[in-house]
Amino acid sequence: MNNTNAILLPRLSETVEKARSLPISDDRKEVLQVLVDYIKEKLKAGEEINLNFICTHNSRRSQFSQIWAQTAADYFGVPAECYSGGVEVTEFNERAVESIKRSGFRVTKKGSENPVYFIFHSDEAEPISAFSKLFDDPINKAQRFAAVMTCAHADENCPFIPGTESRIPVRYEDPKKYDGTPEETSRYDERSLQIASEMFYVFSQIKI
């Protein structure tokens, strides 16, 4: 867990500046405020901050959310652990992986079937481990966490998630529908940038 401000990789730093310049509507800030309040309450109580971003296949939106949330937490020195998971195991979609690379993260890969990707946002911090898994996979070590529901399907079809202290819907549109179209690359990058913008907004509200 990193509680000192991370120095981001140069190209990633440029992406973050772009993300933080994006406008966030008042309606969307109201959605995000629930997550802000949860983090503040845990920090005030001196308790661990564990966020588990959940979507059905843990392949796109929940991966983006985990990566950007952990990056934002480390950037602002907030001692949060960010995880992700789903209700089915597939793999971290290669289109989403390529989008993360374009954002400026350094990425290495291990394995071929449901490979594990190690995502580096700085030269100092430990990498973020990213692969498709169930929300209760052993790598998601937290016993008590906020379940941040990033897609409607998982939110509506997971009425009970063991270990959840707070269930927070922060839904995003799935870029999957643009797979194989001329808009594929731009739509994946658009979704990643939106999630970056919102996760950096959330953690910017936390005062250490």
C-alpha atoms as a PDB file:
ATOM      1  CA  MET A   1       0.000   0.000   0.000  1.00  0.00           C
ATOM      2  CA  ASN A   2       1.436   3.335  -1.035  1.00  0.00           C
ATOM      3  CA  ASN A   3       0.624   6.372   1.118  1.00  0.00           C
ATOM      4  CA  THR A   4       3.095   8.747  -0.494  1.00  0.00           C
ATOM      5  CA  ASN A   5       2.288  10.555  -3.695  1.00  0.00           C
ATOM      6  CA  ALA A   6       3.369   8.562  -6.742  1.00  0.00           C
ATOM      7  CA  ILE A   7       5.260  10.220  -9.588  1.00  0.00           C
ATOM      8  CA  LEU A   8       3.543   8.988 -12.733  1.00  0.00           C
ATOM      9  CA  LEU A   9       5.280   7.861 -15.893  1.00  0.00           C
ATOM     10  CA  PRO A  10       5.636  10.822 -18.305  1.00  0.00           C
ATOM     11  CA  ARG A  11       3.111   9.836 -21.001  1.00  0.00           C
ATOM     12  CA  LEU A  12       0.676   8.650 -18.348  1.00  0.00           C
ATOM     13  CA  SER A  13       1.010  12.003 -16.586  1.00  0.00           C
ATOM     14  CA  GLU A  14      -0.106  13.708 -19.803  1.00  0.00           C
ATOM     15  CA  THR A  15      -3.154  11.427 -20.016  1.00  0.00           C
ATOM     16  CA  VAL A  16      -4.050  12.201 -16.414  1.00  0.00           C
ATOM     17  CA  GLU A  17      -3.849  15.939 -17.083  1.00  0.00           C
ATOM     18  CA  LYS A  18      -6.224  15.459 -20.012  1.00  0.00           C
ATOM     19  CA  ALA A  19      -8.590  13.335 -17.909  1.00  0.00           C
ATOM     20  CA  ARG A  20      -8.662  15.845 -15.068  1.00  0.00           C
ATOM     21  CA  SER A  21      -9.608  18.614 -17.496  1.00  0.00           C
ATOM     22  CA  LEU A  22     -12.795  16.799 -18.540  1.00  0.00           C
ATOM     23  CA  PRO A  23     -16.027  18.233 -17.124  1.00  0.00           C
ATOM     24  CA  ILE A  24     -18.041  16.074 -14.718  1.00  0.00           C
ATOM     25  CA  SER A  25     -21.736  16.864 -14.466  1.00  0.00           C
ATOM     26  CA  ASP A  26     -23.422  17.603 -11.147  1.00  0.00           C
ATOM     27  CA  ASP A  27     -25.551  14.478 -11.569  1.00  0.00           C
ATOM     28  CA  ARG A  28     -22.456  12.367 -12.013  1.00  0.00           C
ATOM     29  CA  LYS A  29     -20.729  14.007  -9.040  1.00  0.00           C
ATOM     30  CA  GLU A  30     -23.738  13.021  -6.957  1.00  0.00           C
ATOM     31  CA  VAL A  31     -23.196   9.382  -7.991  1.00  0.00           C
ATOM     32  CA  LEU A  32     -19.492   9.605  -7.158  1.00  0.00           C
ATOM     33  CA  GLN A  33     -20.107  11.308  -3.811  1.00  0.00           C
ATOM     34  CA  VAL A  34     -21.250   8.003  -2.295  1.00  0.00           C
ATOM     35  CA  LEU A  35     -17.817   6.559  -3.042  1.00  0.00           C
ATOM     36  CA  VAL A  36     -16.086   9.695  -1.759  1.00  0.00           C
ATOM     37  CA  ASP A  37     -18.034   9.475   1.506  1.00  0.00           C
ATOM     38  CA  TYR A  38     -17.189   5.794   1.980  1.00  0.00           C
ATOM     39  CA  ILE A  39     -13.469   6.464   1.577  1.00  0.00           C
ATOM     40  CA  LYS A  40     -13.612   9.438   3.949  1.00  0.00           C
ATOM     41  CA  GLU A  41     -15.458   7.407   6.603  1.00  0.00           C
ATOM     42  CA  LYS A  42     -12.936   4.564   6.454  1.00  0.00           C
ATOM     43  CA  LEU A  43     -10.027   6.999   6.640  1.00  0.00           C
ATOM     44  CA  LYS A  44     -11.547   8.827   9.615  1.00  0.00           C
ATOM     45  CA  ALA A  45     -12.090   5.537  11.421  1.00  0.00           C
ATOM     46  CA  GLY A  46      -8.497   4.488  10.776  1.00  0.00           C
ATOM     47  CA  GLU A  47      -9.684   1.405   8.905  1.00  0.00           C
ATOM     48  CA  GLU A  48      -8.435  -0.194   5.691  1.00  0.00           C
ATOM     49  CA  ILE A  49      -9.918   1.196   2.488  1.00  0.00           C
ATOM     50  CA  ASN A  50     -10.729  -1.670   0.120  1.00  0.00           C
ATOM     51  CA  LEU A  51     -12.588  -1.090  -3.140  1.00  0.00           C
ATOM     52  CA  ASN A  52     -13.703  -3.997  -5.316  1.00  0.00           C
ATOM     53  CA  PHE A  53     -14.857  -2.905  -8.788  1.00  0.00           C
ATOM     54  CA  ILE A  54     -17.297  -5.478 -10.097  1.00  0.00           C
ATOM     55  CA  CYS A  55     -18.664  -6.149 -13.578  1.00  0.00           C
ATOM     56  CA  THR A  56     -20.013  -9.354 -15.098  1.00  0.00           C
ATOM     57  CA  HIS A  57     -16.939 -10.588 -16.993  1.00  0.00           C
ATOM     58  CA  ASN A  58     -14.203  -8.512 -15.307  1.00  0.00           C
ATOM     59  CA  SER A  59     -12.846  -7.792 -18.767  1.00  0.00           C
ATOM     60  CA  ARG A  60     -13.225  -4.082 -19.550  1.00  0.00           C
ATOM     61  CA  ARG A  61     -14.956  -1.534 -17.286  1.00  0.00           C
ATOM     62  CA  SER A  62     -14.055  -3.092 -13.946  1.00  0.00           C
ATOM     63  CA  GLN A  63     -10.427  -3.468 -15.067  1.00  0.00           C
ATOM     64  CA  PHE A  64     -10.259   0.159 -16.190  1.00  0.00           C
ATOM     65  CA  SER A  65     -11.810   1.168 -12.865  1.00  0.00           C
ATOM     66  CA  GLN A  66      -9.396  -0.816 -10.711  1.00  0.00           C
ATOM     67  CA  ILE A  67      -6.357   0.442 -12.615  1.00  0.00           C
ATOM     68  CA  TRP A  68      -7.378   4.092 -12.634  1.00  0.00           C
ATOM     69  CA  ALA A  69      -8.628   4.047  -9.035  1.00  0.00           C
ATOM     70  CA  GLN A  70      -5.369   2.538  -7.754  1.00  0.00           C
ATOM     71  CA  THR A  71      -3.382   5.005  -9.830  1.00  0.00           C
ATOM     72  CA  ALA A  72      -5.401   7.930  -8.459  1.00  0.00           C
ATOM     73  CA  ALA A  73      -5.127   6.652  -4.886  1.00  0.00           C
ATOM     74  CA  ASP A  74      -1.357   6.334  -5.194  1.00  0.00           C
ATOM     75  CA  TYR A  75      -1.095   9.717  -6.931  1.00  0.00           C
ATOM     76  CA  PHE A  76      -2.862  11.473  -4.055  1.00  0.00           C
ATOM     77  CA  GLY A  77      -1.254   9.336  -1.348  1.00  0.00           C
ATOM     78  CA  VAL A  78      -4.544   7.780  -0.216  1.00  0.00           C
ATOM     79  CA  PRO A  79      -3.946   4.359   1.423  1.00  0.00           C
ATOM     80  CA  ALA A  80      -6.524   2.445  -0.612  1.00  0.00           C
ATOM     81  CA  GLU A  81      -6.351  -1.043  -2.086  1.00  0.00           C
ATOM     82  CA  CYS A  82      -8.286  -1.415  -5.325  1.00  0.00           C
ATOM     83  CA  TYR A  83      -9.422  -4.744  -6.695  1.00  0.00           C
ATOM     84  CA  SER A  84     -11.741  -5.967  -9.413  1.00  0.00           C
ATOM     85  CA  GLY A  85     -13.769  -9.068 -10.164  1.00  0.00           C
ATOM     86  CA  GLY A  86     -16.828 -10.466 -11.870  1.00  0.00           C
ATOM     87  CA  VAL A  87     -19.418 -13.199 -11.758  1.00  0.00           C
ATOM     88  CA  GLU A  88     -17.849 -15.056 -14.714  1.00  0.00           C
ATOM     89  CA  VAL A  89     -14.210 -15.555 -15.672  1.00  0.00           C
ATOM     90  CA  THR A  90     -13.203 -14.566 -19.218  1.00  0.00           C
ATOM     91  CA  GLU A  91     -10.026 -12.515 -19.717  1.00  0.00           C
ATOM     92  CA  PHE A  92      -8.852  -8.916 -19.558  1.00  0.00           C
ATOM     93  CA  ASN A  93      -9.989  -7.916 -23.037  1.00  0.00           C
ATOM     94  CA  GLU A  94      -7.045  -7.224 -25.324  1.00  0.00           C
ATOM     95  CA  ARG A  95      -8.698  -4.060 -26.666  1.00  0.00           C
ATOM     96  CA  ALA A  96      -8.873  -2.668 -23.141  1.00  0.00           C
ATOM     97  CA  VAL A  97      -5.261  -3.695 -22.535  1.00  0.00           C
ATOM     98  CA  GLU A  98      -4.176  -1.804 -25.647  1.00  0.00           C
ATOM     99  CA  SER A  99      -6.096   1.254 -24.473  1.00  0.00           C
ATOM    100  CA  ILE A 100      -4.292   1.136 -21.131  1.00  0.00           C
ATOM    101  CA  LYS A 101      -0.977   0.991 -22.999  1.00  0.00           C
ATOM    102  CA  ARG A 102      -1.945   3.991 -25.129  1.00  0.00           C
ATOM    103  CA  SER A 103      -2.673   5.895 -21.916  1.00  0.00           C
ATOM    104  CA  GLY A 104       0.977   5.571 -20.943  1.00  0.00           C
ATOM    105  CA  PHE A 105       1.008   2.661 -18.504  1.00  0.00           C
ATOM    106  CA  ARG A 106       3.896   0.219 -18.760  1.00  0.00           C
ATOM    107  CA  VAL A 107       2.429  -3.263 -19.233  1.00  0.00           C
ATOM    108  CA  THR A 108       3.948  -6.737 -19.058  1.00  0.00           C
ATOM    109  CA  LYS A 109       2.118 -10.002 -19.644  1.00  0.00           C
ATOM    110  CA  LYS A 110       2.387 -13.497 -18.182  1.00  0.00           C
ATOM    111  CA  GLY A 111       0.587 -16.520 -19.626  1.00  0.00           C
ATOM    112  CA  SER A 112      -1.676 -16.985 -22.648  1.00  0.00           C
ATOM    113  CA  GLU A 113      -5.081 -18.223 -21.441  1.00  0.00           C
ATOM    114  CA  ASN A 114      -6.628 -15.544 -19.221  1.00  0.00           C
ATOM    115  CA  PRO A 115      -3.163 -13.959 -18.943  1.00  0.00           C
ATOM    116  CA  VAL A 116      -2.056 -11.849 -16.003  1.00  0.00           C
ATOM    117  CA  TYR A 117      -1.031  -8.306 -16.875  1.00  0.00           C
ATOM    118  CA  PHE A 118       1.222  -6.268 -14.623  1.00  0.00           C
ATOM    119  CA  ILE A 119       0.376  -2.588 -14.952  1.00  0.00           C
ATOM    120  CA  PHE A 120       2.968  -0.011 -13.872  1.00  0.00           C
ATOM    121  CA  HIS A 121       1.968   3.625 -13.351  1.00  0.00           C
ATOM    122  CA  SER A 122       5.306   4.745 -11.944  1.00  0.00           C
ATOM    123  CA  ASP A 123       8.869   3.581 -11.460  1.00  0.00           C
ATOM    124  CA  GLU A 124       8.469   3.321  -7.684  1.00  0.00           C
ATOM    125  CA  ALA A 125       5.132   1.602  -7.032  1.00  0.00           C
ATOM    126  CA  GLU A 126       4.341  -2.092  -7.171  1.00  0.00           C
ATOM    127  CA  PRO A 127       2.498  -3.103 -10.358  1.00  0.00           C
ATOM    128  CA  ILE A 128      -1.255  -3.550 -10.458  1.00  0.00           C
ATOM    129  CA  SER A 129      -2.088  -7.178 -11.206  1.00  0.00           C
ATOM    130  CA  ALA A 130      -4.904  -7.405 -13.755  1.00  0.00           C
ATOM    131  CA  PHE A 131      -6.685 -10.522 -14.999  1.00  0.00           C
ATOM    132  CA  SER A 132     -10.262 -11.749 -15.206  1.00  0.00           C
ATOM    133  CA  LYS A 133     -11.444 -13.375 -11.980  1.00  0.00           C
ATOM    134  CA  LEU A 134     -14.446 -13.815  -9.714  1.00  0.00           C
ATOM    135  CA  PHE A 135     -15.061 -11.013  -7.237  1.00  0.00           C
ATOM    136  CA  ASP A 136     -14.086 -13.336  -4.367  1.00  0.00           C
ATOM    137  CA  ASP A 137     -10.845 -14.587  -5.948  1.00  0.00           C
ATOM    138  CA  PRO A 138      -8.114 -15.067  -3.294  1.00  0.00           C
ATOM    139  CA  ILE A 139      -6.067 -12.221  -4.803  1.00  0.00           C
ATOM    140  CA  ASN A 140      -8.874  -9.884  -3.688  1.00  0.00           C
ATOM    141  CA  LYS A 141      -7.683 -10.277  -0.121  1.00  0.00           C
ATOM    142  CA  ALA A 142     -10.060  -7.887   1.588  1.00  0.00           C
ATOM    143  CA  GLN A 143     -12.653  -9.366   3.917  1.00  0.00           C
ATOM    144  CA  ARG A 144     -14.520  -6.064   4.173  1.00  0.00           C
ATOM    145  CA  PHE A 145     -14.867  -3.814   1.163  1.00  0.00           C
ATOM    146  CA  ALA A 146     -17.060  -1.524  -0.893  1.00  0.00           C
ATOM    147  CA  ALA A 147     -18.497  -3.276  -3.945  1.00  0.00           C
ATOM    148  CA  VAL A 148     -18.398  -0.674  -6.711  1.00  0.00           C
ATOM    149  CA  MET A 149     -20.760  -1.939  -9.403  1.00  0.00           C
ATOM    150  CA  THR A 150     -19.529  -0.759 -12.792  1.00  0.00           C
ATOM    151  CA  CYS A 151     -22.174  -2.401 -14.991  1.00  0.00           C
ATOM    152  CA  ALA A 152     -25.929  -2.753 -14.802  1.00  0.00           C
ATOM    153  CA  HIS A 153     -25.952  -6.512 -15.428  1.00  0.00           C
ATOM    154  CA  ALA A 154     -23.738  -7.338 -12.465  1.00  0.00           C
ATOM    155  CA  ASP A 155     -25.529  -4.807 -10.273  1.00  0.00           C
ATOM    156  CA  GLU A 156     -28.920  -6.313 -11.069  1.00  0.00           C
ATOM    157  CA  ASN A 157     -27.853  -9.970 -10.980  1.00  0.00           C
ATOM    158  CA  CYS A 158     -25.699  -9.986  -7.838  1.00  0.00           C
ATOM    159  CA  PRO A 159     -28.198  -9.299  -5.055  1.00  0.00           C
ATOM    160  CA  PHE A 160     -25.711 -10.415  -2.393  1.00  0.00           C
ATOM    161  CA  ILE A 161     -21.929 -10.095  -2.341  1.00  0.00           C
ATOM    162  CA  PRO A 162     -20.260 -11.526   0.797  1.00  0.00           C
ATOM    163  CA  GLY A 163     -17.929  -9.131   2.595  1.00  0.00           C
ATOM    164  CA  THR A 164     -19.578  -6.007   1.271  1.00  0.00           C
ATOM    165  CA  GLU A 165     -19.809  -3.079   3.677  1.00  0.00           C
ATOM    166  CA  SER A 166     -21.245  -0.754   1.063  1.00  0.00           C
ATOM    167  CA  ARG A 167     -22.644  -1.361  -2.405  1.00  0.00           C
ATOM    168  CA  ILE A 168     -22.019   1.610  -4.671  1.00  0.00           C
ATOM    169  CA  PRO A 169     -23.321   1.709  -8.258  1.00  0.00           C
ATOM    170  CA  VAL A 170     -20.960   3.654 -10.537  1.00  0.00           C
ATOM    171  CA  ARG A 171     -22.047   2.376 -13.929  1.00  0.00           C
ATOM    172  CA  TYR A 172     -20.289   2.911 -17.238  1.00  0.00           C
ATOM    173  CA  GLU A 173     -21.308   2.283 -20.821  1.00  0.00           C
ATOM    174  CA  ASP A 174     -19.655  -0.831 -22.254  1.00  0.00           C
ATOM    175  CA  PRO A 175     -17.231  -0.142 -25.122  1.00  0.00           C
ATOM    176  CA  LYS A 176     -17.726  -3.753 -26.238  1.00  0.00           C
ATOM    177  CA  LYS A 177     -20.511  -2.757 -28.599  1.00  0.00           C
ATOM    178  CA  TYR A 178     -17.926  -0.972 -30.758  1.00  0.00           C
ATOM    179  CA  ASP A 179     -15.731  -4.062 -31.171  1.00  0.00           C
ATOM    180  CA  GLY A 180     -14.800  -4.570 -34.794  1.00  0.00           C
ATOM    181  CA  THR A 181     -16.004  -1.123 -35.890  1.00  0.00           C
ATOM    182  CA  PRO A 182     -13.991   1.900 -37.064  1.00  0.00           C
ATOM    183  CA  GLU A 183     -14.800   3.539 -33.711  1.00  0.00           C
ATOM    184  CA  GLU A 184     -13.329   0.729 -31.613  1.00  0.00           C
ATOM    185  CA  THR A 185     -10.071   2.409 -30.592  1.00  0.00           C
ATOM    186  CA  SER A 186     -11.571   5.827 -29.927  1.00  0.00           C
ATOM    187  CA  ARG A 187     -14.453   4.413 -27.882  1.00  0.00           C
ATOM    188  CA  TYR A 188     -12.215   2.305 -25.665  1.00  0.00           C
ATOM    189  CA  ASP A 189      -9.972   5.297 -25.067  1.00  0.00           C
ATOM    190  CA  GLU A 190     -12.997   7.491 -24.407  1.00  0.00           C
ATOM    191  CA  ARG A 191     -14.322   5.112 -21.769  1.00  0.00           C
ATOM    192  CA  SER A 192     -10.918   4.710 -20.150  1.00  0.00           C
ATOM    193  CA  LEU A 193     -10.469   8.483 -20.023  1.00  0.00           C
ATOM    194  CA  GLN A 194     -13.921   8.978 -18.494  1.00  0.00           C
ATOM    195  CA  ILE A 195     -13.133   6.466 -15.765  1.00  0.00           C
ATOM    196  CA  ALA A 196      -9.741   8.105 -15.208  1.00  0.00           C
ATOM    197  CA  SER A 197     -11.421  11.493 -14.901  1.00  0.00           C
ATOM    198  CA  GLU A 198     -13.930  10.241 -12.344  1.00  0.00           C
ATOM    199  CA  MET A 199     -11.480   8.214 -10.244  1.00  0.00           C
ATOM    200  CA  PHE A 200      -9.094  11.160 -10.065  1.00  0.00           C
ATOM    201  CA  TYR A 201     -12.006  13.381  -9.071  1.00  0.00           C
ATOM    202  CA  VAL A 202     -12.993  10.940  -6.297  1.00  0.00           C
ATOM    203  CA  PHE A 203      -9.528  10.740  -4.785  1.00  0.00           C
ATOM    204  CA  SER A 204      -8.904  14.482  -5.181  1.00  0.00           C
ATOM    205  CA  GLN A 205     -11.727  14.961  -2.655  1.00  0.00           C
ATOM    206  CA  ILE A 206      -9.874  12.988   0.019  1.00  0.00           C
ATOM    207  CA  LYS A 207      -7.655  15.043   2.307  1.00  0.00           C
ATOM    208  CA  ILE A 208      -4.828  13.169   4.011  1.00  0.00           C
END
